[in-house]
Amino acid sequence: MKFVRQNAYNNAIQRVRVEFGTLIGLETDEDAYVVLKELPTLEMMQLNEAHEKGHVALMKFFHEIMPHILVDHNLYETEEKKMTDKAVTDFIFEKLELTSKIVSEYAAASFFTRLNKAEEK
């Protein structure tokens, strides 16, 4: 058996779906979502550095990296035109409660959180 990126990439890279519709005035959380992929290795190291520097550095890091790890969303500029990944990121970071929900759920569900828990043992 061999690894073929085109066939196996989705199984190799973890993804986290965060739903937040009610935070932006929709009926249910399922009405709005983003899907973020696992951070690449270098960005994982940068995350650890940002975490050590405090909340401001951590939020700046996520604002910078989010367009690059955003793999799906259902946010639209018009009825037919989907928002760009950068526009979605900027929208998320306009509201503290929304930013906090997405970053915390991503962090709680993602690979690096499990890695940190394993290191604590």
C-alpha atoms as a PDB file:
ATOM      1  CA  MET A   1       0.000   0.000   0.000  1.00  0.00           C
ATOM      2  CA  LYS A   2       1.208   3.515  -0.681  1.00  0.00           C
ATOM      3  CA  PHE A   3       0.220   7.025   0.343  1.00  0.00           C
ATOM      4  CA  VAL A   4      -1.277   8.956  -2.540  1.00  0.00           C
ATOM      5  CA  ARG A   5      -1.772  12.555  -1.466  1.00  0.00           C
ATOM      6  CA  GLN A   6      -4.758  13.128  -3.723  1.00  0.00           C
ATOM      7  CA  ASN A   7      -6.556  10.132  -2.238  1.00  0.00           C
ATOM      8  CA  ALA A   8      -5.376  10.182   1.388  1.00  0.00           C
ATOM      9  CA  TYR A   9      -4.838  13.861   2.258  1.00  0.00           C
ATOM     10  CA  ASN A  10      -8.291  14.326   3.816  1.00  0.00           C
ATOM     11  CA  ASN A  11      -7.676  11.409   6.182  1.00  0.00           C
ATOM     12  CA  ALA A  12      -4.156  12.550   7.063  1.00  0.00           C
ATOM     13  CA  ILE A  13      -4.957  16.170   7.948  1.00  0.00           C
ATOM     14  CA  GLN A  14      -7.420  16.788  10.774  1.00  0.00           C
ATOM     15  CA  ARG A  15     -10.294  19.229  10.324  1.00  0.00           C
ATOM     16  CA  VAL A  16     -12.466  20.972  12.903  1.00  0.00           C
ATOM     17  CA  ARG A  17     -15.957  22.318  12.160  1.00  0.00           C
ATOM     18  CA  VAL A  18     -17.148  25.176  14.358  1.00  0.00           C
ATOM     19  CA  GLU A  19     -20.803  26.251  14.156  1.00  0.00           C
ATOM     20  CA  PHE A  20     -21.859  29.722  15.310  1.00  0.00           C
ATOM     21  CA  GLY A  21     -25.089  30.820  13.632  1.00  0.00           C
ATOM     22  CA  THR A  22     -26.785  32.145  16.759  1.00  0.00           C
ATOM     23  CA  LEU A  23     -23.830  34.445  17.471  1.00  0.00           C
ATOM     24  CA  ILE A  24     -24.473  36.274  14.198  1.00  0.00           C
ATOM     25  CA  GLY A  25     -28.246  36.449  14.440  1.00  0.00           C
ATOM     26  CA  LEU A  26     -29.294  33.229  12.722  1.00  0.00           C
ATOM     27  CA  GLU A  27     -31.793  30.741  14.160  1.00  0.00           C
ATOM     28  CA  THR A  28     -29.413  27.879  14.942  1.00  0.00           C
ATOM     29  CA  ASP A  29     -25.673  27.429  15.282  1.00  0.00           C
ATOM     30  CA  GLU A  30     -25.738  25.012  12.328  1.00  0.00           C
ATOM     31  CA  ASP A  31     -26.787  27.880  10.037  1.00  0.00           C
ATOM     32  CA  ALA A  32     -23.214  29.283   9.955  1.00  0.00           C
ATOM     33  CA  TYR A  33     -19.961  27.376  10.170  1.00  0.00           C
ATOM     34  CA  VAL A  34     -16.273  27.306   9.336  1.00  0.00           C
ATOM     35  CA  VAL A  35     -14.049  24.278   8.865  1.00  0.00           C
ATOM     36  CA  LEU A  36     -10.406  24.727   9.848  1.00  0.00           C
ATOM     37  CA  LYS A  37      -7.606  22.285   9.125  1.00  0.00           C
ATOM     38  CA  GLU A  38      -4.753  21.203  11.327  1.00  0.00           C
ATOM     39  CA  LEU A  39      -1.853  23.641  11.561  1.00  0.00           C
ATOM     40  CA  PRO A  40       1.298  22.792   9.590  1.00  0.00           C
ATOM     41  CA  THR A  41       4.423  22.054  11.656  1.00  0.00           C
ATOM     42  CA  LEU A  42       6.077  25.489  11.535  1.00  0.00           C
ATOM     43  CA  GLU A  43       2.828  27.239  12.341  1.00  0.00           C
ATOM     44  CA  MET A  44       2.337  24.853  15.249  1.00  0.00           C
ATOM     45  CA  MET A  45       5.656  26.032  16.665  1.00  0.00           C
ATOM     46  CA  GLN A  46       4.653  29.670  16.094  1.00  0.00           C
ATOM     47  CA  LEU A  47       1.400  28.979  17.931  1.00  0.00           C
ATOM     48  CA  ASN A  48       3.309  27.736  20.958  1.00  0.00           C
ATOM     49  CA  GLU A  49       5.444  30.893  20.913  1.00  0.00           C
ATOM     50  CA  ALA A  50       2.356  33.127  20.584  1.00  0.00           C
ATOM     51  CA  HIS A  51       0.653  31.270  23.446  1.00  0.00           C
ATOM     52  CA  GLU A  52       3.642  31.946  25.712  1.00  0.00           C
ATOM     53  CA  LYS A  53       3.498  35.687  24.863  1.00  0.00           C
ATOM     54  CA  GLY A  54      -0.149  36.067  25.924  1.00  0.00           C
ATOM     55  CA  HIS A  55      -3.654  36.594  24.539  1.00  0.00           C
ATOM     56  CA  VAL A  56      -2.876  39.505  22.218  1.00  0.00           C
ATOM     57  CA  ALA A  57      -0.075  37.615  20.483  1.00  0.00           C
ATOM     58  CA  LEU A  58      -2.258  34.512  20.284  1.00  0.00           C
ATOM     59  CA  MET A  59      -5.148  36.389  18.669  1.00  0.00           C
ATOM     60  CA  LYS A  60      -2.793  38.136  16.221  1.00  0.00           C
ATOM     61  CA  PHE A  61      -1.391  34.739  15.274  1.00  0.00           C
ATOM     62  CA  PHE A  62      -4.846  33.275  14.639  1.00  0.00           C
ATOM     63  CA  HIS A  63      -5.927  36.331  12.641  1.00  0.00           C
ATOM     64  CA  GLU A  64      -2.868  35.900  10.423  1.00  0.00           C
ATOM     65  CA  ILE A  65      -3.086  32.119  10.003  1.00  0.00           C
ATOM     66  CA  MET A  66      -6.854  31.584   9.766  1.00  0.00           C
ATOM     67  CA  PRO A  67      -7.218  32.376   6.028  1.00  0.00           C
ATOM     68  CA  HIS A  68      -4.592  29.682   5.366  1.00  0.00           C
ATOM     69  CA  ILE A  69      -6.252  26.970   7.456  1.00  0.00           C
ATOM     70  CA  LEU A  70      -9.857  27.763   6.507  1.00  0.00           C
ATOM     71  CA  VAL A  71     -10.982  24.952   4.201  1.00  0.00           C
ATOM     72  CA  ASP A  72     -14.750  25.459   4.096  1.00  0.00           C
ATOM     73  CA  HIS A  73     -17.484  27.819   5.253  1.00  0.00           C
ATOM     74  CA  ASN A  74     -21.015  28.847   4.349  1.00  0.00           C
ATOM     75  CA  LEU A  75     -20.725  32.632   4.555  1.00  0.00           C
ATOM     76  CA  TYR A  76     -21.704  34.675   1.504  1.00  0.00           C
ATOM     77  CA  GLU A  77     -21.239  38.297   0.411  1.00  0.00           C
ATOM     78  CA  THR A  78     -24.321  38.051  -1.816  1.00  0.00           C
ATOM     79  CA  GLU A  79     -26.864  35.325  -2.476  1.00  0.00           C
ATOM     80  CA  GLU A  80     -24.441  33.693  -4.913  1.00  0.00           C
ATOM     81  CA  LYS A  81     -20.937  34.952  -4.074  1.00  0.00           C
ATOM     82  CA  LYS A  82     -19.084  33.227  -1.257  1.00  0.00           C
ATOM     83  CA  MET A  83     -16.905  35.374   1.002  1.00  0.00           C
ATOM     84  CA  THR A  84     -13.151  35.008   0.547  1.00  0.00           C
ATOM     85  CA  ASP A  85     -11.198  33.279   3.304  1.00  0.00           C
ATOM     86  CA  LYS A  86      -9.653  36.639   4.267  1.00  0.00           C
ATOM     87  CA  ALA A  87     -13.101  38.291   4.419  1.00  0.00           C
ATOM     88  CA  VAL A  88     -14.408  35.439   6.610  1.00  0.00           C
ATOM     89  CA  THR A  89     -11.439  35.853   8.947  1.00  0.00           C
ATOM     90  CA  ASP A  90     -11.926  39.619   9.179  1.00  0.00           C
ATOM     91  CA  PHE A  91     -15.658  39.099   9.857  1.00  0.00           C
ATOM     92  CA  ILE A  92     -14.925  36.580  12.631  1.00  0.00           C
ATOM     93  CA  PHE A  93     -12.445  38.931  14.270  1.00  0.00           C
ATOM     94  CA  GLU A  94     -14.939  41.820  14.311  1.00  0.00           C
ATOM     95  CA  LYS A  95     -16.813  40.212  17.208  1.00  0.00           C
ATOM     96  CA  LEU A  96     -14.947  39.105  20.345  1.00  0.00           C
ATOM     97  CA  GLU A  97     -17.486  36.450  21.332  1.00  0.00           C
ATOM     98  CA  LEU A  98     -17.338  34.904  17.844  1.00  0.00           C
ATOM     99  CA  THR A  99     -13.537  35.006  17.752  1.00  0.00           C
ATOM    100  CA  SER A 100     -13.317  33.413  21.195  1.00  0.00           C
ATOM    101  CA  LYS A 101     -15.758  30.632  20.291  1.00  0.00           C
ATOM    102  CA  ILE A 102     -13.981  29.684  17.080  1.00  0.00           C
ATOM    103  CA  VAL A 103     -10.458  29.847  18.489  1.00  0.00           C
ATOM    104  CA  SER A 104     -11.367  27.971  21.685  1.00  0.00           C
ATOM    105  CA  GLU A 105     -13.335  25.212  19.913  1.00  0.00           C
ATOM    106  CA  TYR A 106     -10.580  24.820  17.360  1.00  0.00           C
ATOM    107  CA  ALA A 107      -7.955  24.640  20.085  1.00  0.00           C
ATOM    108  CA  ALA A 108      -9.984  22.166  22.169  1.00  0.00           C
ATOM    109  CA  ALA A 109     -10.585  19.824  19.245  1.00  0.00           C
ATOM    110  CA  SER A 110      -7.328  20.022  17.399  1.00  0.00           C
ATOM    111  CA  PHE A 111      -4.196  17.941  17.300  1.00  0.00           C
ATOM    112  CA  PHE A 112      -1.923  20.290  19.241  1.00  0.00           C
ATOM    113  CA  THR A 113      -4.197  20.247  22.294  1.00  0.00           C
ATOM    114  CA  ARG A 114      -3.975  16.460  22.492  1.00  0.00           C
ATOM    115  CA  LEU A 115      -0.212  16.695  22.020  1.00  0.00           C
ATOM    116  CA  ASN A 116       0.097  19.159  24.927  1.00  0.00           C
ATOM    117  CA  LYS A 117      -1.998  16.880  27.170  1.00  0.00           C
ATOM    118  CA  ALA A 118       0.265  13.945  26.319  1.00  0.00           C
ATOM    119  CA  GLU A 119       3.334  16.029  27.192  1.00  0.00           C
ATOM    120  CA  GLU A 120       1.878  16.860  30.623  1.00  0.00           C
ATOM    121  CA  LYS A 121       1.759  13.181  31.658  1.00  0.00           C
END
